[in-house]
C-alpha atoms as a PDB file:
ATOM      1  CA  UNK A   1     -33.418  -0.314  -3.437  1.00  0.00           C
ATOM      2  CA  UNK A   2     -32.103  -3.547  -1.472  1.00  0.00           C
ATOM      3  CA  UNK A   3     -34.710  -4.881   1.004  1.00  0.00           C
ATOM      4  CA  UNK A   4     -33.233  -4.893   4.627  1.00  0.00           C
ATOM      5  CA  UNK A   5     -34.584  -6.385   7.325  1.00  0.00           C
ATOM      6  CA  UNK A   6     -32.954  -6.140  10.607  1.00  0.00           C
ATOM      7  CA  UNK A   7     -34.273  -7.825  14.061  1.00  0.00           C
ATOM      8  CA  UNK A   8     -32.493  -6.613  17.231  1.00  0.00           C
ATOM      9  CA  UNK A   9     -33.432  -8.944  20.656  1.00  0.00           C
ATOM     10  CA  UNK A  10     -32.851  -6.524  23.283  1.00  0.00           C
ATOM     11  CA  UNK A  11     -33.589  -7.118  27.190  1.00  0.00           C
ATOM     12  CA  UNK A  12     -36.610  -4.950  28.276  1.00  0.00           C
ATOM     13  CA  UNK A  13     -36.441  -3.578  31.822  1.00  0.00           C
ATOM     14  CA  UNK A  14     -39.592  -2.260  33.475  1.00  0.00           C
ATOM     15  CA  UNK A  15     -39.991   1.270  33.149  1.00  0.00           C
ATOM     16  CA  UNK A  16     -40.340   3.845  36.260  1.00  0.00           C
ATOM     17  CA  UNK A  17     -44.003   4.481  35.459  1.00  0.00           C
ATOM     18  CA  UNK A  18     -45.189   7.497  36.611  1.00  0.00           C
ATOM     19  CA  UNK A  19     -41.819   8.577  38.098  1.00  0.00           C
ATOM     20  CA  UNK A  20     -40.053  11.076  36.634  1.00  0.00           C
ATOM     21  CA  UNK A  21     -36.021  11.430  37.507  1.00  0.00           C
ATOM     22  CA  UNK A  22     -33.347  13.728  36.194  1.00  0.00           C
ATOM     23  CA  UNK A  23     -30.684  13.018  33.627  1.00  0.00           C
ATOM     24  CA  UNK A  24     -27.670  11.223  34.351  1.00  0.00           C
ATOM     25  CA  UNK A  25     -24.801  13.577  36.137  1.00  0.00           C
ATOM     26  CA  UNK A  26     -22.765  13.022  32.959  1.00  0.00           C
ATOM     27  CA  UNK A  27     -25.108  14.744  30.576  1.00  0.00           C
ATOM     28  CA  UNK A  28     -26.154  18.462  30.645  1.00  0.00           C
ATOM     29  CA  UNK A  29     -29.297  19.818  29.388  1.00  0.00           C
ATOM     30  CA  UNK A  30     -29.473  22.244  26.827  1.00  0.00           C
ATOM     31  CA  UNK A  31     -31.822  24.799  26.461  1.00  0.00           C
ATOM     32  CA  UNK A  32     -34.580  24.409  23.458  1.00  0.00           C
ATOM     33  CA  UNK A  33     -34.601  28.608  23.071  1.00  0.00           C
ATOM     34  CA  UNK A  34     -30.881  28.717  22.844  1.00  0.00           C
ATOM     35  CA  UNK A  35     -30.230  30.392  19.553  1.00  0.00           C
ATOM     36  CA  UNK A  36     -26.846  27.959  19.692  1.00  0.00           C
ATOM     37  CA  UNK A  37     -28.797  24.832  20.275  1.00  0.00           C
ATOM     38  CA  UNK A  38     -27.184  22.767  17.842  1.00  0.00           C
ATOM     39  CA  UNK A  39     -23.620  23.714  18.863  1.00  0.00           C
ATOM     40  CA  UNK A  40     -24.643  22.886  22.808  1.00  0.00           C
ATOM     41  CA  UNK A  41     -25.968  19.642  21.634  1.00  0.00           C
ATOM     42  CA  UNK A  42     -23.073  18.481  19.885  1.00  0.00           C
ATOM     43  CA  UNK A  43     -21.098  19.777  22.931  1.00  0.00           C
ATOM     44  CA  UNK A  44     -22.852  18.025  25.620  1.00  0.00           C
ATOM     45  CA  UNK A  45     -23.434  14.736  23.901  1.00  0.00           C
ATOM     46  CA  UNK A  46     -19.665  14.390  22.944  1.00  0.00           C
ATOM     47  CA  UNK A  47     -19.099  14.909  26.420  1.00  0.00           C
ATOM     48  CA  UNK A  48     -21.435  12.057  27.523  1.00  0.00           C
ATOM     49  CA  UNK A  49     -20.397   9.504  24.771  1.00  0.00           C
ATOM     50  CA  UNK A  50     -17.557   8.082  27.175  1.00  0.00           C
ATOM     51  CA  UNK A  51     -19.961   7.682  30.064  1.00  0.00           C
ATOM     52  CA  UNK A  52     -22.777   6.337  28.252  1.00  0.00           C
ATOM     53  CA  UNK A  53     -20.894   3.932  25.885  1.00  0.00           C
ATOM     54  CA  UNK A  54     -20.351   1.381  29.004  1.00  0.00           C
ATOM     55  CA  UNK A  55     -24.545   1.506  29.953  1.00  0.00           C
ATOM     56  CA  UNK A  56     -26.409   2.823  32.647  1.00  0.00           C
ATOM     57  CA  UNK A  57     -28.907   0.289  34.455  1.00  0.00           C
ATOM     58  CA  UNK A  58     -30.748   3.274  36.110  1.00  0.00           C
ATOM     59  CA  UNK A  59     -31.716   4.439  32.462  1.00  0.00           C
ATOM     60  CA  UNK A  60     -32.068   1.451  31.202  1.00  0.00           C
ATOM     61  CA  UNK A  61     -29.031   1.754  28.538  1.00  0.00           C
ATOM     62  CA  UNK A  62     -27.198  -1.117  27.570  1.00  0.00           C
ATOM     63  CA  UNK A  63     -23.626  -1.765  27.458  1.00  0.00           C
ATOM     64  CA  UNK A  64     -22.231  -0.746  24.010  1.00  0.00           C
ATOM     65  CA  UNK A  65     -18.532  -1.762  24.627  1.00  0.00           C
ATOM     66  CA  UNK A  66     -19.358  -4.031  22.608  1.00  0.00           C
ATOM     67  CA  UNK A  67     -22.883  -3.742  21.854  1.00  0.00           C
ATOM     68  CA  UNK A  68     -24.190  -7.148  22.273  1.00  0.00           C
ATOM     69  CA  UNK A  69     -27.079  -8.370  19.616  1.00  0.00           C
ATOM     70  CA  UNK A  70     -28.700 -11.610  20.321  1.00  0.00           C
ATOM     71  CA  UNK A  71     -29.899 -12.041  16.545  1.00  0.00           C
ATOM     72  CA  UNK A  72     -29.668  -9.939  13.706  1.00  0.00           C
ATOM     73  CA  UNK A  73     -30.583 -10.780  10.190  1.00  0.00           C
ATOM     74  CA  UNK A  74     -29.874  -9.158   6.790  1.00  0.00           C
ATOM     75  CA  UNK A  75     -32.144  -9.977   3.722  1.00  0.00           C
ATOM     76  CA  UNK A  76     -30.807  -8.379   0.259  1.00  0.00           C
ATOM     77  CA  UNK A  77     -32.672  -8.878  -3.089  1.00  0.00           C
ATOM     78  CA  UNK A  78     -31.461  -7.183  -6.247  1.00  0.00           C
ATOM     79  CA  UNK A  79     -30.635  -7.980  -9.898  1.00  0.00           C
ATOM     80  CA  UNK A  80     -26.968  -8.834  -8.493  1.00  0.00           C
ATOM     81  CA  UNK A  81     -27.620  -9.994  -4.977  1.00  0.00           C
ATOM     82  CA  UNK A  82     -29.953 -12.582  -3.501  1.00  0.00           C
ATOM     83  CA  UNK A  83     -28.725 -12.996   0.042  1.00  0.00           C
ATOM     84  CA  UNK A  84     -29.943 -14.394   3.595  1.00  0.00           C
ATOM     85  CA  UNK A  85     -27.672 -13.699   6.475  1.00  0.00           C
ATOM     86  CA  UNK A  86     -28.189 -14.238  10.035  1.00  0.00           C
ATOM     87  CA  UNK A  87     -25.987 -13.963  13.034  1.00  0.00           C
ATOM     88  CA  UNK A  88     -26.243 -15.085  16.528  1.00  0.00           C
ATOM     89  CA  UNK A  89     -24.566 -13.329  19.490  1.00  0.00           C
ATOM     90  CA  UNK A  90     -23.397 -10.360  16.932  1.00  0.00           C
ATOM     91  CA  UNK A  91     -21.399  -7.839  18.616  1.00  0.00           C
ATOM     92  CA  UNK A  92     -20.582  -4.714  17.237  1.00  0.00           C
ATOM     93  CA  UNK A  93     -17.349  -2.737  18.212  1.00  0.00           C
ATOM     94  CA  UNK A  94     -16.074   0.637  17.608  1.00  0.00           C
ATOM     95  CA  UNK A  95     -19.171   2.728  18.793  1.00  0.00           C
ATOM     96  CA  UNK A  96     -16.989   4.431  21.717  1.00  0.00           C
ATOM     97  CA  UNK A  97     -15.061   6.412  18.913  1.00  0.00           C
ATOM     98  CA  UNK A  98     -17.947   7.879  17.105  1.00  0.00           C
ATOM     99  CA  UNK A  99     -17.631  11.339  16.821  1.00  0.00           C
ATOM    100  CA  UNK A 100     -20.843  13.793  16.668  1.00  0.00           C
ATOM    101  CA  UNK A 101     -20.085  16.324  13.384  1.00  0.00           C
ATOM    102  CA  UNK A 102     -23.036  17.858  13.103  1.00  0.00           C
ATOM    103  CA  UNK A 103     -26.664  18.098  14.575  1.00  0.00           C
ATOM    104  CA  UNK A 104     -29.618  19.926  13.167  1.00  0.00           C
ATOM    105  CA  UNK A 105     -32.617  20.437  15.510  1.00  0.00           C
ATOM    106  CA  UNK A 106     -36.138  21.966  14.401  1.00  0.00           C
ATOM    107  CA  UNK A 107     -37.756  22.362  17.687  1.00  0.00           C
ATOM    108  CA  UNK A 108     -41.137  23.423  16.132  1.00  0.00           C
ATOM    109  CA  UNK A 109     -41.338  20.294  13.915  1.00  0.00           C
ATOM    110  CA  UNK A 110     -39.717  18.161  16.629  1.00  0.00           C
ATOM    111  CA  UNK A 111     -37.482  16.568  14.061  1.00  0.00           C
ATOM    112  CA  UNK A 112     -33.831  16.194  14.434  1.00  0.00           C
ATOM    113  CA  UNK A 113     -30.832  15.065  12.421  1.00  0.00           C
ATOM    114  CA  UNK A 114     -27.555  14.040  14.154  1.00  0.00           C
ATOM    115  CA  UNK A 115     -24.460  13.279  11.872  1.00  0.00           C
ATOM    116  CA  UNK A 116     -21.697  11.041  13.362  1.00  0.00           C
ATOM    117  CA  UNK A 117     -18.017  10.068  12.113  1.00  0.00           C
ATOM    118  CA  UNK A 118     -16.996   6.478  12.937  1.00  0.00           C
ATOM    119  CA  UNK A 119     -12.955   5.825  12.385  1.00  0.00           C
ATOM    120  CA  UNK A 120     -13.476   1.842  12.672  1.00  0.00           C
ATOM    121  CA  UNK A 121     -16.710  -0.477  13.329  1.00  0.00           C
ATOM    122  CA  UNK A 122     -16.956  -4.044  13.260  1.00  0.00           C
ATOM    123  CA  UNK A 123     -19.590  -6.814  13.381  1.00  0.00           C
ATOM    124  CA  UNK A 124     -18.417  -9.800  14.612  1.00  0.00           C
ATOM    125  CA  UNK A 125     -20.542 -13.381  15.427  1.00  0.00           C
ATOM    126  CA  UNK A 126     -21.494 -16.600  14.395  1.00  0.00           C
ATOM    127  CA  UNK A 127     -23.277 -15.863  11.064  1.00  0.00           C
ATOM    128  CA  UNK A 128     -25.073 -18.263   8.689  1.00  0.00           C
ATOM    129  CA  UNK A 129     -25.433 -17.253   4.856  1.00  0.00           C
ATOM    130  CA  UNK A 130     -26.993 -18.854   1.502  1.00  0.00           C
ATOM    131  CA  UNK A 131     -27.574 -17.014  -1.492  1.00  0.00           C
ATOM    132  CA  UNK A 132     -25.511 -14.621  -4.012  1.00  0.00           C
ATOM    133  CA  UNK A 133     -23.144 -11.998  -3.733  1.00  0.00           C
ATOM    134  CA  UNK A 134     -22.256 -10.261  -7.123  1.00  0.00           C
ATOM    135  CA  UNK A 135     -24.072 -13.124  -8.727  1.00  0.00           C
ATOM    136  CA  UNK A 136     -21.602 -15.760  -7.334  1.00  0.00           C
ATOM    137  CA  UNK A 137     -23.408 -18.068  -4.828  1.00  0.00           C
ATOM    138  CA  UNK A 138     -22.452 -18.360  -1.075  1.00  0.00           C
ATOM    139  CA  UNK A 139     -23.309 -20.523   1.611  1.00  0.00           C
ATOM    140  CA  UNK A 140     -21.851 -21.225   5.115  1.00  0.00           C
ATOM    141  CA  UNK A 141     -22.069 -20.998   8.933  1.00  0.00           C
ATOM    142  CA  UNK A 142     -19.359 -20.057  11.085  1.00  0.00           C
ATOM    143  CA  UNK A 143     -17.300 -17.249  12.610  1.00  0.00           C
ATOM    144  CA  UNK A 144     -17.158 -13.778  10.814  1.00  0.00           C
ATOM    145  CA  UNK A 145     -16.016 -10.389  10.845  1.00  0.00           C
ATOM    146  CA  UNK A 146     -17.216  -7.125   9.002  1.00  0.00           C
ATOM    147  CA  UNK A 147     -14.876  -4.170   9.638  1.00  0.00           C
ATOM    148  CA  UNK A 148     -15.817  -0.794   7.948  1.00  0.00           C
ATOM    149  CA  UNK A 149     -13.478   2.214   8.109  1.00  0.00           C
ATOM    150  CA  UNK A 150     -14.155   5.984   8.280  1.00  0.00           C
ATOM    151  CA  UNK A 151     -17.944   5.789   7.714  1.00  0.00           C
ATOM    152  CA  UNK A 152     -20.085   8.603   7.834  1.00  0.00           C
ATOM    153  CA  UNK A 153     -23.446   8.194   8.861  1.00  0.00           C
ATOM    154  CA  UNK A 154     -26.515  10.304   9.911  1.00  0.00           C
ATOM    155  CA  UNK A 155     -29.557   9.607  12.307  1.00  0.00           C
ATOM    156  CA  UNK A 156     -33.285  11.103  11.841  1.00  0.00           C
ATOM    157  CA  UNK A 157     -35.777  11.020  13.886  1.00  0.00           C
ATOM    158  CA  UNK A 158     -39.148  12.739  14.983  1.00  0.00           C
ATOM    159  CA  UNK A 159     -39.446  13.406  18.644  1.00  0.00           C
ATOM    160  CA  UNK A 160     -43.437  14.081  19.358  1.00  0.00           C
ATOM    161  CA  UNK A 161     -44.006  15.171  23.096  1.00  0.00           C
ATOM    162  CA  UNK A 162     -46.758  13.722  24.856  1.00  0.00           C
ATOM    163  CA  UNK A 163     -48.310  14.349  28.495  1.00  0.00           C
ATOM    164  CA  UNK A 164     -48.370  11.610  30.786  1.00  0.00           C
ATOM    165  CA  UNK A 165     -50.914  10.933  33.860  1.00  0.00           C
ATOM    166  CA  UNK A 166     -48.048  12.331  36.245  1.00  0.00           C
ATOM    167  CA  UNK A 167     -48.959  15.748  34.293  1.00  0.00           C
ATOM    168  CA  UNK A 168     -45.249  15.893  32.459  1.00  0.00           C
ATOM    169  CA  UNK A 169     -44.742  15.845  29.041  1.00  0.00           C
ATOM    170  CA  UNK A 170     -42.203  13.258  27.939  1.00  0.00           C
ATOM    171  CA  UNK A 171     -40.619  12.730  24.478  1.00  0.00           C
ATOM    172  CA  UNK A 172     -41.129   9.928  22.039  1.00  0.00           C
ATOM    173  CA  UNK A 173     -38.834   8.617  19.653  1.00  0.00           C
ATOM    174  CA  UNK A 174     -40.448   7.784  16.323  1.00  0.00           C
ATOM    175  CA  UNK A 175     -39.892   7.311  12.313  1.00  0.00           C
ATOM    176  CA  UNK A 176     -35.937   6.572  13.384  1.00  0.00           C
ATOM    177  CA  UNK A 177     -33.890   6.333   9.924  1.00  0.00           C
ATOM    178  CA  UNK A 178     -29.893   5.838   9.822  1.00  0.00           C
ATOM    179  CA  UNK A 179     -28.335   6.565   6.367  1.00  0.00           C
ATOM    180  CA  UNK A 180     -24.893   5.657   5.064  1.00  0.00           C
ATOM    181  CA  UNK A 181     -23.317   8.835   3.127  1.00  0.00           C
ATOM    182  CA  UNK A 182     -19.512   7.593   3.072  1.00  0.00           C
ATOM    183  CA  UNK A 183     -17.346   4.833   3.653  1.00  0.00           C
ATOM    184  CA  UNK A 184     -13.832   4.712   3.341  1.00  0.00           C
ATOM    185  CA  UNK A 185     -12.884   1.026   3.411  1.00  0.00           C
ATOM    186  CA  UNK A 186     -14.594  -2.148   4.038  1.00  0.00           C
ATOM    187  CA  UNK A 187     -13.184  -5.839   4.713  1.00  0.00           C
ATOM    188  CA  UNK A 188     -14.757  -9.032   5.613  1.00  0.00           C
ATOM    189  CA  UNK A 189     -13.912 -12.181   6.853  1.00  0.00           C
ATOM    190  CA  UNK A 190     -16.083 -15.286   6.633  1.00  0.00           C
ATOM    191  CA  UNK A 191     -15.031 -18.654   8.394  1.00  0.00           C
ATOM    192  CA  UNK A 192     -16.096 -21.952   6.836  1.00  0.00           C
ATOM    193  CA  UNK A 193     -17.784 -20.974   3.563  1.00  0.00           C
ATOM    194  CA  UNK A 194     -19.129 -23.896   1.499  1.00  0.00           C
ATOM    195  CA  UNK A 195     -19.062 -26.386   4.321  1.00  0.00           C
ATOM    196  CA  UNK A 196     -15.414 -25.802   4.816  1.00  0.00           C
ATOM    197  CA  UNK A 197     -14.126 -25.984   1.495  1.00  0.00           C
ATOM    198  CA  UNK A 198     -10.813 -23.994   2.087  1.00  0.00           C
ATOM    199  CA  UNK A 199     -10.439 -23.237  -1.780  1.00  0.00           C
ATOM    200  CA  UNK A 200     -13.757 -21.799  -2.293  1.00  0.00           C
ATOM    201  CA  UNK A 201     -13.664 -19.926   1.048  1.00  0.00           C
ATOM    202  CA  UNK A 202     -10.476 -18.166   0.512  1.00  0.00           C
ATOM    203  CA  UNK A 203     -11.543 -17.500  -3.057  1.00  0.00           C
ATOM    204  CA  UNK A 204     -14.942 -16.063  -2.048  1.00  0.00           C
ATOM    205  CA  UNK A 205     -13.411 -13.817   1.127  1.00  0.00           C
ATOM    206  CA  UNK A 206     -10.445 -12.517  -1.541  1.00  0.00           C
ATOM    207  CA  UNK A 207     -13.450 -11.859  -3.970  1.00  0.00           C
ATOM    208  CA  UNK A 208     -15.537  -9.750  -1.711  1.00  0.00           C
ATOM    209  CA  UNK A 209     -12.652  -7.684  -0.395  1.00  0.00           C
ATOM    210  CA  UNK A 210     -11.190  -7.132  -3.788  1.00  0.00           C
ATOM    211  CA  UNK A 211     -14.731  -5.528  -4.941  1.00  0.00           C
ATOM    212  CA  UNK A 212     -15.670  -4.082  -1.357  1.00  0.00           C
ATOM    213  CA  UNK A 213     -16.910  -0.794  -3.110  1.00  0.00           C
ATOM    214  CA  UNK A 214     -19.617  -2.808  -4.771  1.00  0.00           C
ATOM    215  CA  UNK A 215     -20.587  -5.341  -2.051  1.00  0.00           C
ATOM    216  CA  UNK A 216     -20.703  -2.555   0.474  1.00  0.00           C
ATOM    217  CA  UNK A 217     -23.655  -1.232  -1.107  1.00  0.00           C
ATOM    218  CA  UNK A 218     -25.379  -4.562  -0.117  1.00  0.00           C
ATOM    219  CA  UNK A 219     -23.981  -4.838   3.160  1.00  0.00           C
ATOM    220  CA  UNK A 220     -23.864  -1.285   4.203  1.00  0.00           C
ATOM    221  CA  UNK A 221     -27.578  -0.552   4.926  1.00  0.00           C
ATOM    222  CA  UNK A 222     -27.554  -3.659   6.990  1.00  0.00           C
ATOM    223  CA  UNK A 223     -24.779  -2.568   9.611  1.00  0.00           C
ATOM    224  CA  UNK A 224     -25.937   1.147   9.606  1.00  0.00           C
ATOM    225  CA  UNK A 225     -29.713  -0.043  10.447  1.00  0.00           C
ATOM    226  CA  UNK A 226     -28.516  -2.114  13.065  1.00  0.00           C
ATOM    227  CA  UNK A 227     -26.507   0.662  14.514  1.00  0.00           C
ATOM    228  CA  UNK A 228     -29.730   2.801  14.237  1.00  0.00           C
ATOM    229  CA  UNK A 229     -31.515   0.673  16.379  1.00  0.00           C
ATOM    230  CA  UNK A 230     -28.747   1.008  19.137  1.00  0.00           C
ATOM    231  CA  UNK A 231     -29.159   4.871  18.783  1.00  0.00           C
ATOM    232  CA  UNK A 232     -32.923   4.709  18.989  1.00  0.00           C
ATOM    233  CA  UNK A 233     -33.048   2.176  21.983  1.00  0.00           C
ATOM    234  CA  UNK A 234     -30.706   4.584  23.921  1.00  0.00           C
ATOM    235  CA  UNK A 235     -32.805   7.998  23.177  1.00  0.00           C
ATOM    236  CA  UNK A 236     -35.925   6.131  23.818  1.00  0.00           C
ATOM    237  CA  UNK A 237     -34.810   4.851  27.289  1.00  0.00           C
ATOM    238  CA  UNK A 238     -33.503   8.032  28.662  1.00  0.00           C
ATOM    239  CA  UNK A 239     -36.354  10.042  27.309  1.00  0.00           C
ATOM    240  CA  UNK A 240     -39.052   7.582  28.555  1.00  0.00           C
ATOM    241  CA  UNK A 241     -37.856   8.316  31.967  1.00  0.00           C
ATOM    242  CA  UNK A 242     -36.789  11.974  31.904  1.00  0.00           C
ATOM    243  CA  UNK A 243     -39.284  14.518  31.004  1.00  0.00           C
ATOM    244  CA  UNK A 244     -38.980  16.778  28.206  1.00  0.00           C
ATOM    245  CA  UNK A 245     -38.438  20.042  30.348  1.00  0.00           C
ATOM    246  CA  UNK A 246     -35.421  18.189  31.768  1.00  0.00           C
ATOM    247  CA  UNK A 247     -34.325  16.797  28.629  1.00  0.00           C
ATOM    248  CA  UNK A 248     -34.486  20.389  27.138  1.00  0.00           C
ATOM    249  CA  UNK A 249     -34.684  22.925  29.180  1.00  0.00           C
ATOM    250  CA  UNK A 250     -37.381  26.122  28.354  1.00  0.00           C
END
């Protein structure tokens, strides 16, 4: 398995210590005893996506249209690839079009899996790269764009409940994992490869795009892990402020 390290630097705002607040008006709670809880979560979450995607300072939710990541790094190492890539001020575009397909909530075990379909996700920003892709050397720094189409991903996480000093219980978000299941297409564009050598740069971009299915196995985990960190951030920030019985009614 490739080794992936993603660092996401985010602006952390002060929490509302000891203050319990309601869910935002665009997000309606489901009952955790509802026999159709999974269907309820899909319905309510899908209705909230167009609102929450633009951010909500009150709930410490960042603007995700696009989602700006000051620093993102991808380190890969396999028999075919030894690659280090880093981006400054990376932007993830297309989260607003994500559709929730499935929800599997295990209330007794406090575990959830959410499955999404995204028609198009793009990662843009200034990259720095050194290493190899499919045994070919790659170096450079400059503007970049990685676009993936028709991606199906799932987000797993544990959510233990803990009582705080104010006497109310709150959900914690732990052990999160974003998994890439399907990818319909990937296209990349890295400018200024090989110190600006136009011929080598064009050949490398063409080679990567012609072999996108193989290359996506190396880039895919890094992109999906970055998206997973976004999901974790949104869930954690809301659940840090809104009590468990408000998020999921008894």
